[in-house]
Structures are given as C-alpha cells and as structure tokens.
Protein backbone atom coordinates (compact mmCIF):
# COMPACT_ATOMS: atom_id res chain seq x y z
CA MET A 1 -16.18 48.94 31.99
CA SER A 2 -14.72 49.36 35.45
CA ALA A 3 -16.14 49.68 38.95
CA PHE A 4 -13.68 52.55 39.44
CA ASP A 5 -15.17 54.68 36.69
CA PRO A 6 -17.39 57.27 38.47
CA GLU A 7 -19.52 57.56 35.36
CA ARG A 8 -20.55 53.93 35.73
CA HIS A 9 -21.78 54.59 39.27
CA ILE A 10 -24.58 56.78 37.98
CA THR A 11 -26.58 53.86 36.61
CA ASN A 12 -24.96 50.74 38.08
CA VAL A 13 -25.49 49.84 41.73
CA ASP A 14 -23.16 46.82 41.47
CA TYR A 15 -20.23 49.07 40.59
CA LYS A 16 -21.09 51.41 43.45
CA ILE A 17 -20.97 48.52 45.92
CA VAL A 18 -17.61 47.28 44.59
CA ALA A 19 -16.14 50.79 44.80
CA ALA A 20 -17.49 51.19 48.33
CA LEU A 21 -15.97 47.88 49.44
CA GLU A 22 -12.63 49.02 48.02
CA LYS A 23 -12.83 52.12 50.23
CA ILE A 24 -13.42 49.94 53.29
CA SER A 25 -10.53 47.63 52.35
CA GLU A 26 -8.36 50.73 52.15
CA VAL A 27 -9.21 51.48 55.78
CA PHE A 28 -7.91 48.04 56.79
CA ARG A 29 -4.72 48.52 54.77
CA VAL A 30 -4.01 51.92 56.33
CA LEU A 31 -4.69 50.79 59.90
CA LEU A 32 -2.75 47.55 59.46
CA TRP A 33 0.28 49.22 57.88
CA ALA A 34 0.38 51.95 60.53
CA GLU A 35 0.34 49.47 63.42
CA ALA A 36 2.80 47.09 61.76
CA LYS A 37 5.25 49.88 61.00
CA GLU A 38 5.15 51.10 64.60
CA HIS A 39 6.24 47.67 65.85
CA LYS A 40 8.69 46.94 63.01
CA LEU A 41 6.60 44.15 61.55
CA SER A 42 5.20 43.51 58.10
CA PRO A 43 1.39 43.41 57.82
CA ILE A 44 1.36 39.65 57.24
CA GLN A 45 3.66 39.06 60.23
CA MET A 46 1.23 41.04 62.35
CA GLN A 47 -1.75 39.10 61.00
CA LEU A 48 -0.01 35.80 61.68
CA LEU A 49 0.61 36.71 65.31
CA ILE A 50 -3.06 37.53 65.80
CA PHE A 51 -4.16 34.39 63.96
CA ILE A 52 -1.90 32.13 66.04
CA LYS A 53 -3.17 33.70 69.25
CA TYR A 54 -6.81 32.96 68.53
CA HIS A 55 -6.61 29.60 66.73
CA ASN A 56 -5.76 26.78 69.10
CA ASN A 57 -6.28 23.96 66.62
CA ASP A 58 -2.83 22.59 65.79
CA LYS A 59 -3.88 21.85 62.19
CA GLN A 60 -4.70 25.52 61.63
CA ARG A 61 -1.26 26.55 62.89
CA ARG A 62 0.63 24.62 60.23
CA ILE A 63 2.31 26.62 57.46
CA ALA A 64 0.18 25.00 54.74
CA SER A 65 -3.02 25.76 56.64
CA MET A 66 -2.05 29.38 57.27
CA ALA A 67 -1.15 29.77 53.59
CA ARG A 68 -4.68 28.71 52.66
CA GLU A 69 -6.13 30.95 55.35
CA PHE A 70 -4.43 34.07 53.99
CA ASN A 71 -4.50 33.07 50.33
CA LEU A 72 -0.70 33.25 50.12
CA THR A 73 1.98 30.80 49.07
CA LYS A 74 3.60 28.49 51.61
CA ALA A 75 6.94 30.14 50.81
CA THR A 76 5.58 33.58 51.77
CA ILE A 77 4.14 32.29 55.05
CA SER A 78 7.32 30.33 55.78
CA ASP A 79 9.48 33.45 55.32
CA SER A 80 7.28 35.45 57.70
CA ILE A 81 7.27 32.63 60.24
CA LYS A 82 11.09 32.51 60.19
CA VAL A 83 11.29 36.23 60.92
CA LEU A 84 8.83 35.92 63.81
CA GLU A 85 10.89 33.04 65.21
CA GLN A 86 14.08 35.08 64.93
CA LYS A 87 12.39 37.93 66.78
CA GLY A 88 11.48 35.51 69.57
CA LEU A 89 7.75 36.06 69.08
CA ILE A 90 6.72 32.50 68.18
CA LYS A 91 8.06 29.01 68.75
CA ARG A 92 7.58 25.79 66.81
CA THR A 93 6.58 22.44 68.25
CA ASP A 94 6.37 18.99 66.72
CA ASP A 95 2.95 18.14 65.30
CA ALA A 96 1.57 15.15 67.22
CA LEU A 97 -0.61 14.18 64.25
CA ASP A 98 2.01 14.56 61.49
CA SER A 99 5.71 13.94 62.13
CA ARG A 100 6.56 15.86 58.93
CA SER A 101 4.92 19.06 60.14
CA PHE A 102 5.30 21.69 62.82
CA ASN A 103 2.80 24.00 64.39
CA PHE A 104 3.45 27.31 66.10
CA SER A 105 2.51 29.14 69.27
CA LEU A 106 3.30 32.52 70.78
CA THR A 107 6.16 33.00 73.20
CA ASP A 108 5.62 35.19 76.28
CA GLN A 109 7.10 38.07 74.29
CA GLY A 110 4.76 37.26 71.42
CA VAL A 111 1.72 37.24 73.70
CA LYS A 112 2.69 40.65 75.05
CA LEU A 113 3.23 42.18 71.61
CA THR A 114 0.08 40.67 70.13
CA GLY A 115 -1.92 42.16 72.98
CA MET A 116 -0.60 45.56 71.90
CA ILE A 117 -1.33 45.24 68.18
CA GLU A 118 -4.53 43.20 67.94
CA ASN A 119 -6.89 46.16 68.36
CA PHE A 120 -5.67 48.03 65.30
CA THR A 121 -9.26 48.11 63.99
CA LEU A 122 -10.54 50.32 66.85
CA PRO A 123 -11.31 53.31 64.57
CA LEU A 124 -13.42 51.05 62.36
CA ASP A 125 -15.02 49.42 65.40
CA GLY A 126 -16.08 52.85 66.59
CA ALA A 127 -17.67 53.76 63.28
CA ILE A 128 -19.66 50.51 63.15
CA ALA A 129 -20.78 51.00 66.75
CA THR A 130 -22.64 54.15 65.72
CA LEU A 131 -24.92 52.26 63.30
CA ALA A 132 -28.47 51.55 64.40
CA PRO A 133 -29.01 47.92 65.55
CA GLU A 134 -31.30 47.07 62.62
CA LYS A 135 -28.76 48.45 60.13
CA LYS A 136 -26.02 46.35 61.73
CA GLU A 137 -28.10 43.21 61.27
CA GLN A 138 -28.91 44.04 57.64
CA PHE A 139 -25.26 44.78 56.96
CA LEU A 140 -24.09 41.58 58.66
CA VAL A 141 -26.46 39.37 56.65
CA SER A 142 -25.38 41.03 53.40
CA VAL A 143 -21.67 40.73 54.17
CA LEU A 144 -21.95 37.09 55.26
CA ASP A 145 -23.87 36.24 52.10
CA LEU A 146 -21.23 37.97 49.97
CA ILE A 147 -18.42 36.08 51.72
CA TYR A 148 -20.31 32.83 51.17
CA ARG A 149 -20.70 33.54 47.45
CA LEU A 150 -17.01 34.40 47.10
CA ASN A 151 -16.11 31.23 48.98
CA GLN A 152 -18.28 29.17 46.64
CA THR A 153 -16.45 30.56 43.62
CA GLY A 154 -13.07 29.81 45.19
CA ILE A 155 -11.93 33.42 45.56
CA ILE A 156 -11.95 33.09 49.35
CA SER A 157 -10.50 29.68 50.14
CA THR A 158 -11.10 29.02 53.83
CA GLN A 159 -14.20 29.96 55.78
CA ARG A 160 -15.59 28.43 58.97
CA MET A 161 -18.91 30.26 58.87
CA CYS A 162 -22.48 29.10 59.40
CA TYR A 163 -23.48 29.32 55.75
CA ASN A 164 -21.03 26.67 54.56
CA CYS A 165 -21.33 24.42 57.61
CA TYR A 166 -22.76 20.88 57.57
CA TYR A 167 -24.90 21.75 60.60
CA TYR A 168 -26.53 24.84 59.08
CA SER A 169 -30.07 24.90 57.75
CA GLY A 170 -31.67 28.05 56.42
CA ASP A 171 -32.02 30.38 53.48
CA ARG A 172 -29.17 32.74 54.47
CA GLN A 173 -31.64 35.62 54.62
CA GLN A 174 -34.62 35.10 56.90
CA THR A 175 -34.21 31.68 58.51
CA HIS A 176 -31.13 30.30 60.26
CA TYR A 177 -30.93 27.01 62.17
CA CYS A 178 -28.02 25.10 63.75
CA ASN A 179 -28.53 21.33 63.81
CA LEU A 180 -25.61 20.90 66.22
CA MET A 181 -27.12 23.17 68.87
CA GLN A 182 -30.64 22.29 67.69
CA LYS A 183 -31.89 25.86 67.79
CA ASP A 184 -32.90 28.73 65.60
CA LEU A 185 -30.17 31.34 65.29
CA ALA A 186 -30.76 35.05 65.63
CA ILE A 187 -28.80 37.19 63.19
CA ASP A 188 -26.33 38.24 65.89
CA GLU A 189 -25.69 34.54 66.65
CA LEU A 190 -24.44 33.76 63.13
CA ARG A 191 -20.74 32.94 63.17
CA ILE A 192 -18.01 33.79 60.72
CA GLU A 193 -15.36 31.83 62.66
CA CYS A 194 -16.82 28.78 64.43
CA PRO A 195 -14.66 26.25 66.32
CA GLU A 196 -17.35 23.57 65.82
CA HIS A 197 -17.54 24.17 62.07
CA LYS A 198 -17.82 21.05 59.91
CA ALA A 199 -17.41 21.32 56.16
CA ILE A 200 -20.38 20.27 54.05
CA GLY A 201 -19.89 16.70 52.91
CA ASN A 202 -17.96 15.76 56.05
CA LYS A 203 -20.38 13.66 58.10
CA GLN A 204 -17.88 12.21 60.54
C-alpha cells in the first residue's frame, strides 16, 4: 500500500492527506530551487543564510545546532558554511560560551543578499492569503498538531513551538494557555518559533 497510489485515495483519507502534503512540499522545492539557482546558491546554503539572519541566539548558530535544525549531518552543514564564507556572505566568531565552537553571522554582503532571497515563498503566501480567516485557523491548528506529533516520534528533531513548551497548557485543539505570559492564547497567537521557548523537563 502506498499513499501515492490513486486507487487508495478512493477509500483512505489518510493517504489523501499524505499525497496532498507531498504536493505542497513540491511547491517549496520548486520555489527554493528557482531562487537558489538565480543567485548561484544551493538550497541549503540559501536556507542557512535565512536561518542565520533570524536566529540571534549564538547556540543556534553553531554547526551542530544547525545540523539538528535541518536534519542534516554536521559535515553537510560544515561544507555549506565553508562555501558561504568563501563567498563573503557570512563570518565566524569565537563562541563566548564554548572555546571549541564558532558561531556565524551575516556580513554586509550577506545581509543584502538574504534580503533579496528570503521572500521566495511569496506565491505560496498569496495563495494562503485568499483563505477565509476561519479556514486559516483550522488549518493552522491541524498543521501545528501534525508537527507536534512528528516531533514526538523524532522525525522532526528541533521545534520551538507552543505545544512542546514547558510553559504551555492546553489540549492543542480548543484551549491554549501560556504560563509565562499568564494568558489564554488565541489561535493566531500560537507560535511555531518562540524565542522564549523552554523544553519540557527544563525547569531552570
């Protein structure tokens, strides 16, 4: 049995959802490859530039951390980082917390280029914008719950979202509460990338 067998879609909703998600992932691949090719980058090099721009935590900018973030080997990330350094797009600095490690930041040239490439999802953004508000909320809750389940099984390694945060209380469907902010969260306030995220079990 396969989710890519159209005959299975007739009676199996699960397979339909998997096949639909594959179509959406294809959109990301096409848009990412097109933008990367235009600027003579590989897709992962492009993703690393965007990641470095928006993650100011030095620990997240280490090679090992970025490898976990993108579910790739440290060798693969290291190779891409070397190319970006050679292109003058990023620079390394000593890690104040670990003398054996480096973290990375964008150069002025890197900031300029990243500003040009970071909106490669605009066609997808436009399609989502046409959805009715209530459909957006339903979709968001479903996607966040799916990401949470995949994270729990170890398929997605690193997530800083509400559902797997020490401060979160709720049922992931109808009720959402943040103990850090001490407030109920509306659906559009749920975060998938939170700078205050604390992993469950970490009470410090």
